[in-house]
Amino acid sequence: SSSDRDVPMAVLVGAFMAAVILVALQIGPALALV
């Protein structure tokens, strides 16, 4: 089972990745491509 996953940490990491990607999309396609 993967019930031992750290769910709060997973949510935090997921939110951080989403924020980085969305900010990159707002800056421009070149940064998003990188």
PDB file of all heavy atoms in Angstrom:
ATOM      1  N   SER A   1       0.829  -1.198   0.000  1.00  0.00           N
ATOM      2  CA  SER A   1       0.000   0.000   0.000  1.00  0.00           C
ATOM      3  C   SER A   1       0.860   1.243   0.000  1.00  0.00           C
ATOM      4  O   SER A   1       1.961   1.283   0.516  1.00  0.00           O
ATOM      5  CB  SER A   1      -0.903   0.005   1.236  1.00  0.00           C
ATOM      6  OG  SER A   1      -1.605   1.206   1.322  1.00  0.00           O
ATOM      7  N   SER A   2       0.286   2.274  -0.602  1.00  0.00           N
ATOM      8  CA  SER A   2       0.962   3.569  -0.595  1.00  0.00           C
ATOM      9  C   SER A   2       0.300   4.524   0.389  1.00  0.00           C
ATOM     10  O   SER A   2       0.411   5.736   0.273  1.00  0.00           O
ATOM     11  CB  SER A   2       0.928   4.184  -2.004  1.00  0.00           C
ATOM     12  OG  SER A   2      -0.397   4.410  -2.395  1.00  0.00           O
ATOM     13  N   SER A   3      -0.402   3.952   1.362  1.00  0.00           N
ATOM     14  CA  SER A   3      -1.065   4.801   2.345  1.00  0.00           C
ATOM     15  C   SER A   3      -0.076   5.554   3.218  1.00  0.00           C
ATOM     16  O   SER A   3      -0.464   6.447   3.962  1.00  0.00           O
ATOM     17  CB  SER A   3      -1.986   3.939   3.222  1.00  0.00           C
ATOM     18  OG  SER A   3      -1.250   2.924   3.874  1.00  0.00           O
ATOM     19  N   ASP A   4       1.226   5.149   3.131  1.00  0.00           N
ATOM     20  CA  ASP A   4       2.223   5.841   3.924  1.00  0.00           C
ATOM     21  C   ASP A   4       2.687   7.133   3.281  1.00  0.00           C
ATOM     22  O   ASP A   4       3.578   7.795   3.797  1.00  0.00           O
ATOM     23  CB  ASP A   4       3.425   4.921   4.157  1.00  0.00           C
ATOM     24  CG  ASP A   4       4.055   4.442   2.864  1.00  0.00           C
ATOM     25  OD1 ASP A   4       3.379   4.547   1.821  1.00  0.00           O
ATOM     26  OD2 ASP A   4       5.214   3.972   2.911  1.00  0.00           O
ATOM     27  N   ARG A   5       2.113   7.499   2.146  1.00  0.00           N
ATOM     28  CA  ARG A   5       2.497   8.747   1.498  1.00  0.00           C
ATOM     29  C   ARG A   5       2.168   9.933   2.399  1.00  0.00           C
ATOM     30  O   ARG A   5       1.142   9.965   3.067  1.00  0.00           O
ATOM     31  CB  ARG A   5       1.770   8.906   0.160  1.00  0.00           C
ATOM     32  CG  ARG A   5       2.255   7.967  -0.928  1.00  0.00           C
ATOM     33  CD  ARG A   5       1.677   8.379  -2.256  1.00  0.00           C
ATOM     34  NE  ARG A   5       2.003   7.441  -3.318  1.00  0.00           N
ATOM     35  CZ  ARG A   5       3.136   7.459  -4.008  1.00  0.00           C
ATOM     36  NH1 ARG A   5       4.051   8.362  -3.719  1.00  0.00           N
ATOM     37  NH2 ARG A   5       3.367   6.579  -4.961  1.00  0.00           N
ATOM     38  N   ASP A   6       3.035  10.921   2.360  1.00  0.00           N
ATOM     39  CA  ASP A   6       2.831  12.142   3.131  1.00  0.00           C
ATOM     40  C   ASP A   6       1.894  13.041   2.320  1.00  0.00           C
ATOM     41  O   ASP A   6       2.323  13.789   1.450  1.00  0.00           O
ATOM     42  CB  ASP A   6       4.182  12.813   3.368  1.00  0.00           C
ATOM     43  CG  ASP A   6       4.082  13.973   4.347  1.00  0.00           C
ATOM     44  OD1 ASP A   6       2.956  14.448   4.587  1.00  0.00           O
ATOM     45  OD2 ASP A   6       5.134  14.420   4.847  1.00  0.00           O
ATOM     46  N   VAL A   7       0.609  12.957   2.617  1.00  0.00           N
ATOM     47  CA  VAL A   7      -0.380  13.694   1.841  1.00  0.00           C
ATOM     48  C   VAL A   7      -0.195  15.203   1.951  1.00  0.00           C
ATOM     49  O   VAL A   7      -0.235  15.915   0.941  1.00  0.00           O
ATOM     50  CB  VAL A   7      -1.806  13.274   2.262  1.00  0.00           C
ATOM     51  CG1 VAL A   7      -2.849  14.103   1.509  1.00  0.00           C
ATOM     52  CG2 VAL A   7      -2.019  11.791   2.004  1.00  0.00           C
ATOM     53  N   PRO A   8      -0.004  15.779   3.155  1.00  0.00           N
ATOM     54  CA  PRO A   8       0.221  17.227   3.216  1.00  0.00           C
ATOM     55  C   PRO A   8       1.428  17.672   2.392  1.00  0.00           C
ATOM     56  O   PRO A   8       1.376  18.713   1.726  1.00  0.00           O
ATOM     57  CB  PRO A   8       0.432  17.490   4.712  1.00  0.00           C
ATOM     58  CG  PRO A   8      -0.283  16.383   5.392  1.00  0.00           C
ATOM     59  CD  PRO A   8      -0.095  15.195   4.515  1.00  0.00           C
ATOM     60  N   MET A   9       2.510  16.895   2.450  1.00  0.00           N
ATOM     61  CA  MET A   9       3.679  17.236   1.651  1.00  0.00           C
ATOM     62  C   MET A   9       3.368  17.134   0.166  1.00  0.00           C
ATOM     63  O   MET A   9       3.808  17.965  -0.643  1.00  0.00           O
ATOM     64  CB  MET A   9       4.844  16.313   2.017  1.00  0.00           C
ATOM     65  CG  MET A   9       6.109  16.553   1.184  1.00  0.00           C
ATOM     66  SD  MET A   9       6.756  18.235   1.365  1.00  0.00           S
ATOM     67  CE  MET A   9       7.355  18.160   3.059  1.00  0.00           C
ATOM     68  N   ALA A  10       2.587  16.124  -0.215  1.00  0.00           N
ATOM     69  CA  ALA A  10       2.215  15.966  -1.618  1.00  0.00           C
ATOM     70  C   ALA A  10       1.406  17.162  -2.107  1.00  0.00           C
ATOM     71  O   ALA A  10       1.609  17.673  -3.213  1.00  0.00           O
ATOM     72  CB  ALA A  10       1.418  14.673  -1.811  1.00  0.00           C
ATOM     73  N   VAL A  11       0.470  17.622  -1.279  1.00  0.00           N
ATOM     74  CA  VAL A  11      -0.340  18.783  -1.649  1.00  0.00           C
ATOM     75  C   VAL A  11       0.537  20.025  -1.774  1.00  0.00           C
ATOM     76  O   VAL A  11       0.387  20.819  -2.711  1.00  0.00           O
ATOM     77  CB  VAL A  11      -1.459  19.002  -0.607  1.00  0.00           C
ATOM     78  CG1 VAL A  11      -2.195  20.305  -0.894  1.00  0.00           C
ATOM     79  CG2 VAL A  11      -2.419  17.824  -0.611  1.00  0.00           C
ATOM     80  N   LEU A  12       1.468  20.186  -0.842  1.00  0.00           N
ATOM     81  CA  LEU A  12       2.340  21.356  -0.872  1.00  0.00           C
ATOM     82  C   LEU A  12       3.226  21.353  -2.124  1.00  0.00           C
ATOM     83  O   LEU A  12       3.355  22.383  -2.803  1.00  0.00           O
ATOM     84  CB  LEU A  12       3.214  21.383   0.394  1.00  0.00           C
ATOM     85  CG  LEU A  12       4.188  22.564   0.530  1.00  0.00           C
ATOM     86  CD1 LEU A  12       3.411  23.874   0.586  1.00  0.00           C
ATOM     87  CD2 LEU A  12       5.055  22.394   1.774  1.00  0.00           C
ATOM     88  N   VAL A  13       3.814  20.220  -2.428  1.00  0.00           N
ATOM     89  CA  VAL A  13       4.669  20.123  -3.618  1.00  0.00           C
ATOM     90  C   VAL A  13       3.854  20.333  -4.882  1.00  0.00           C
ATOM     91  O   VAL A  13       4.273  21.036  -5.807  1.00  0.00           O
ATOM     92  CB  VAL A  13       5.388  18.759  -3.645  1.00  0.00           C
ATOM     93  CG1 VAL A  13       6.124  18.561  -4.968  1.00  0.00           C
ATOM     94  CG2 VAL A  13       6.365  18.647  -2.484  1.00  0.00           C
ATOM     95  N   GLY A  14       2.650  19.746  -4.926  1.00  0.00           N
ATOM     96  CA  GLY A  14       1.803  19.919  -6.104  1.00  0.00           C
ATOM     97  C   GLY A  14       1.398  21.371  -6.308  1.00  0.00           C
ATOM     98  O   GLY A  14       1.395  21.870  -7.437  1.00  0.00           O
ATOM     99  N   ALA A  15       1.042  22.055  -5.221  1.00  0.00           N
ATOM    100  CA  ALA A  15       0.663  23.465  -5.332  1.00  0.00           C
ATOM    101  C   ALA A  15       1.844  24.309  -5.790  1.00  0.00           C
ATOM    102  O   ALA A  15       1.687  25.235  -6.610  1.00  0.00           O
ATOM    103  CB  ALA A  15       0.139  23.967  -3.990  1.00  0.00           C
ATOM    104  N   PHE A  16       3.041  23.994  -5.289  1.00  0.00           N
ATOM    105  CA  PHE A  16       4.225  24.755  -5.685  1.00  0.00           C
ATOM    106  C   PHE A  16       4.516  24.558  -7.177  1.00  0.00           C
ATOM    107  O   PHE A  16       4.807  25.525  -7.901  1.00  0.00           O
ATOM    108  CB  PHE A  16       5.421  24.308  -4.856  1.00  0.00           C
ATOM    109  CG  PHE A  16       6.728  24.939  -5.280  1.00  0.00           C
ATOM    110  CD1 PHE A  16       7.005  26.261  -4.950  1.00  0.00           C
ATOM    111  CD2 PHE A  16       7.663  24.221  -6.008  1.00  0.00           C
ATOM    112  CE1 PHE A  16       8.198  26.857  -5.352  1.00  0.00           C
ATOM    113  CE2 PHE A  16       8.853  24.798  -6.405  1.00  0.00           C
ATOM    114  CZ  PHE A  16       9.129  26.119  -6.082  1.00  0.00           C
ATOM    115  N   MET A  17       4.441  23.323  -7.656  1.00  0.00           N
ATOM    116  CA  MET A  17       4.685  23.064  -9.084  1.00  0.00           C
ATOM    117  C   MET A  17       3.655  23.770  -9.961  1.00  0.00           C
ATOM    118  O   MET A  17       3.998  24.356 -10.996  1.00  0.00           O
ATOM    119  CB  MET A  17       4.666  21.561  -9.359  1.00  0.00           C
ATOM    120  CG  MET A  17       5.846  20.803  -8.791  1.00  0.00           C
ATOM    121  SD  MET A  17       5.895  19.094  -9.381  1.00  0.00           S
ATOM    122  CE  MET A  17       4.333  18.470  -8.744  1.00  0.00           C
ATOM    123  N   ALA A  18       2.390  23.720  -9.549  1.00  0.00           N
ATOM    124  CA  ALA A  18       1.350  24.384 -10.321  1.00  0.00           C
ATOM    125  C   ALA A  18       1.590  25.886 -10.378  1.00  0.00           C
ATOM    126  O   ALA A  18       1.420  26.527 -11.433  1.00  0.00           O
ATOM    127  CB  ALA A  18      -0.020  24.087  -9.717  1.00  0.00           C
ATOM    128  N   ALA A  19       1.993  26.458  -9.254  1.00  0.00           N
ATOM    129  CA  ALA A  19       2.252  27.901  -9.225  1.00  0.00           C
ATOM    130  C   ALA A  19       3.405  28.270 -10.148  1.00  0.00           C
ATOM    131  O   ALA A  19       3.339  29.264 -10.886  1.00  0.00           O
ATOM    132  CB  ALA A  19       2.547  28.336  -7.789  1.00  0.00           C
ATOM    133  N   VAL A  20       4.480  27.486 -10.129  1.00  0.00           N
ATOM    134  CA  VAL A  20       5.631  27.766 -10.989  1.00  0.00           C
ATOM    135  C   VAL A  20       5.242  27.706 -12.461  1.00  0.00           C
ATOM    136  O   VAL A  20       5.607  28.587 -13.261  1.00  0.00           O
ATOM    137  CB  VAL A  20       6.772  26.776 -10.685  1.00  0.00           C
ATOM    138  CG1 VAL A  20       7.879  26.887 -11.735  1.00  0.00           C
ATOM    139  CG2 VAL A  20       7.337  27.021  -9.298  1.00  0.00           C
ATOM    140  N   ILE A  21       4.476  26.690 -12.819  1.00  0.00           N
ATOM    141  CA  ILE A  21       4.093  26.530 -14.226  1.00  0.00           C
ATOM    142  C   ILE A  21       3.171  27.659 -14.675  1.00  0.00           C
ATOM    143  O   ILE A  21       3.332  28.228 -15.765  1.00  0.00           O
ATOM    144  CB  ILE A  21       3.431  25.160 -14.429  1.00  0.00           C
ATOM    145  CG1 ILE A  21       4.454  24.041 -14.190  1.00  0.00           C
ATOM    146  CG2 ILE A  21       2.856  25.043 -15.838  1.00  0.00           C
ATOM    147  CD1 ILE A  21       3.854  22.654 -14.228  1.00  0.00           C
ATOM    148  N   LEU A  22       2.197  28.002 -13.830  1.00  0.00           N
ATOM    149  CA  LEU A  22       1.255  29.057 -14.207  1.00  0.00           C
ATOM    150  C   LEU A  22       1.948  30.413 -14.313  1.00  0.00           C
ATOM    151  O   LEU A  22       1.631  31.211 -15.206  1.00  0.00           O
ATOM    152  CB  LEU A  22       0.105  29.107 -13.200  1.00  0.00           C
ATOM    153  CG  LEU A  22      -0.836  27.892 -13.214  1.00  0.00           C
ATOM    154  CD1 LEU A  22      -1.887  28.019 -12.109  1.00  0.00           C
ATOM    155  CD2 LEU A  22      -1.514  27.745 -14.579  1.00  0.00           C
ATOM    156  N   VAL A  23       2.891  30.687 -13.408  1.00  0.00           N
ATOM    157  CA  VAL A  23       3.642  31.939 -13.493  1.00  0.00           C
ATOM    158  C   VAL A  23       4.476  31.967 -14.763  1.00  0.00           C
ATOM    159  O   VAL A  23       4.553  32.995 -15.467  1.00  0.00           O
ATOM    160  CB  VAL A  23       4.539  32.121 -12.251  1.00  0.00           C
ATOM    161  CG1 VAL A  23       5.517  33.271 -12.442  1.00  0.00           C
ATOM    162  CG2 VAL A  23       3.677  32.381 -11.012  1.00  0.00           C
ATOM    163  N   ALA A  24       5.093  30.846 -15.111  1.00  0.00           N
ATOM    164  CA  ALA A  24       5.881  30.778 -16.335  1.00  0.00           C
ATOM    165  C   ALA A  24       5.013  31.018 -17.564  1.00  0.00           C
ATOM    166  O   ALA A  24       5.429  31.694 -18.518  1.00  0.00           O
ATOM    167  CB  ALA A  24       6.573  29.418 -16.430  1.00  0.00           C
ATOM    168  N   LEU A  25       3.789  30.500 -17.545  1.00  0.00           N
ATOM    169  CA  LEU A  25       2.876  30.726 -18.667  1.00  0.00           C
ATOM    170  C   LEU A  25       2.490  32.196 -18.780  1.00  0.00           C
ATOM    171  O   LEU A  25       2.294  32.704 -19.893  1.00  0.00           O
ATOM    172  CB  LEU A  25       1.623  29.854 -18.500  1.00  0.00           C
ATOM    173  CG  LEU A  25       1.826  28.350 -18.723  1.00  0.00           C
ATOM    174  CD1 LEU A  25       0.571  27.574 -18.336  1.00  0.00           C
ATOM    175  CD2 LEU A  25       2.181  28.062 -20.180  1.00  0.00           C
ATOM    176  N   GLN A  26       2.370  32.850 -17.646  1.00  0.00           N
ATOM    177  CA  GLN A  26       2.040  34.274 -17.679  1.00  0.00           C
ATOM    178  C   GLN A  26       3.211  35.108 -18.196  1.00  0.00           C
ATOM    179  O   GLN A  26       3.017  36.111 -18.880  1.00  0.00           O
ATOM    180  CB  GLN A  26       1.644  34.752 -16.274  1.00  0.00           C
ATOM    181  CG  GLN A  26       0.322  34.172 -15.788  1.00  0.00           C
ATOM    182  CD  GLN A  26      -0.850  34.621 -16.651  1.00  0.00           C
ATOM    183  OE1 GLN A  26      -0.932  35.771 -17.075  1.00  0.00           O
ATOM    184  NE2 GLN A  26      -1.769  33.692 -16.917  1.00  0.00           N
ATOM    185  N   ILE A  27       4.424  34.687 -17.893  1.00  0.00           N
ATOM    186  CA  ILE A  27       5.595  35.440 -18.357  1.00  0.00           C
ATOM    187  C   ILE A  27       5.765  35.314 -19.862  1.00  0.00           C
ATOM    188  O   ILE A  27       6.064  36.285 -20.559  1.00  0.00           O
ATOM    189  CB  ILE A  27       6.856  34.950 -17.618  1.00  0.00           C
ATOM    190  CG1 ILE A  27       6.753  35.319 -16.132  1.00  0.00           C
ATOM    191  CG2 ILE A  27       8.115  35.542 -18.227  1.00  0.00           C
ATOM    192  CD1 ILE A  27       7.895  34.789 -15.293  1.00  0.00           C
ATOM    193  N   GLY A  28       5.574  34.107 -20.382  1.00  0.00           N
ATOM    194  CA  GLY A  28       5.705  33.945 -21.826  1.00  0.00           C
ATOM    195  C   GLY A  28       5.970  32.515 -22.223  1.00  0.00           C
ATOM    196  O   GLY A  28       6.362  31.677 -21.399  1.00  0.00           O
ATOM    197  N   PRO A  29       5.754  32.189 -23.491  1.00  0.00           N
ATOM    198  CA  PRO A  29       5.912  30.805 -23.950  1.00  0.00           C
ATOM    199  C   PRO A  29       7.342  30.296 -23.889  1.00  0.00           C
ATOM    200  O   PRO A  29       7.556  29.094 -23.730  1.00  0.00           O
ATOM    201  CB  PRO A  29       5.394  30.859 -25.393  1.00  0.00           C
ATOM    202  CG  PRO A  29       5.502  32.283 -25.805  1.00  0.00           C
ATOM    203  CD  PRO A  29       5.288  33.081 -24.573  1.00  0.00           C
ATOM    204  N   ALA A  30       8.329  31.172 -24.035  1.00  0.00           N
ATOM    205  CA  ALA A  30       9.724  30.715 -24.034  1.00  0.00           C
ATOM    206  C   ALA A  30      10.095  30.097 -22.687  1.00  0.00           C
ATOM    207  O   ALA A  30      10.693  29.012 -22.623  1.00  0.00           O
ATOM    208  CB  ALA A  30      10.658  31.871 -24.373  1.00  0.00           C
ATOM    209  N   LEU A  31       9.738  30.780 -21.579  1.00  0.00           N
ATOM    210  CA  LEU A  31      10.040  30.247 -20.262  1.00  0.00           C
ATOM    211  C   LEU A  31       9.251  28.969 -20.002  1.00  0.00           C
ATOM    212  O   LEU A  31       9.775  28.008 -19.408  1.00  0.00           O
ATOM    213  CB  LEU A  31       9.719  31.288 -19.195  1.00  0.00           C
ATOM    214  CG  LEU A  31       9.998  30.875 -17.746  1.00  0.00           C
ATOM    215  CD1 LEU A  31      11.464  30.490 -17.573  1.00  0.00           C
ATOM    216  CD2 LEU A  31       9.604  31.986 -16.790  1.00  0.00           C
ATOM    217  N   ALA A  32       8.001  28.941 -20.430  1.00  0.00           N
ATOM    218  CA  ALA A  32       7.190  27.728 -20.270  1.00  0.00           C
ATOM    219  C   ALA A  32       7.798  26.564 -21.040  1.00  0.00           C
ATOM    220  O   ALA A  32       7.779  25.417 -20.572  1.00  0.00           O
ATOM    221  CB  ALA A  32       5.762  27.993 -20.741  1.00  0.00           C
ATOM    222  N   LEU A  33       8.353  26.832 -22.220  1.00  0.00           N
ATOM    223  CA  LEU A  33       9.000  25.782 -23.008  1.00  0.00           C
ATOM    224  C   LEU A  33      10.217  25.229 -22.281  1.00  0.00           C
ATOM    225  O   LEU A  33      10.451  24.016 -22.271  1.00  0.00           O
ATOM    226  CB  LEU A  33       9.400  26.329 -24.374  1.00  0.00           C
ATOM    227  CG  LEU A  33      10.168  25.363 -25.280  1.00  0.00           C
ATOM    228  CD1 LEU A  33       9.293  24.186 -25.663  1.00  0.00           C
ATOM    229  CD2 LEU A  33      10.688  26.084 -26.519  1.00  0.00           C
ATOM    230  N   VAL A  34      11.001  26.106 -21.659  1.00  0.00           N
ATOM    231  CA  VAL A  34      12.179  25.660 -20.913  1.00  0.00           C
ATOM    232  C   VAL A  34      11.771  24.737 -19.767  1.00  0.00           C
ATOM    233  O   VAL A  34      12.379  23.669 -19.554  1.00  0.00           O
ATOM    234  CB  VAL A  34      12.968  26.874 -20.380  1.00  0.00           C
ATOM    235  CG1 VAL A  34      14.068  26.419 -19.428  1.00  0.00           C
ATOM    236  CG2 VAL A  34      13.566  27.665 -21.541  1.00  0.00           C
TER     237      VAL A  34
END
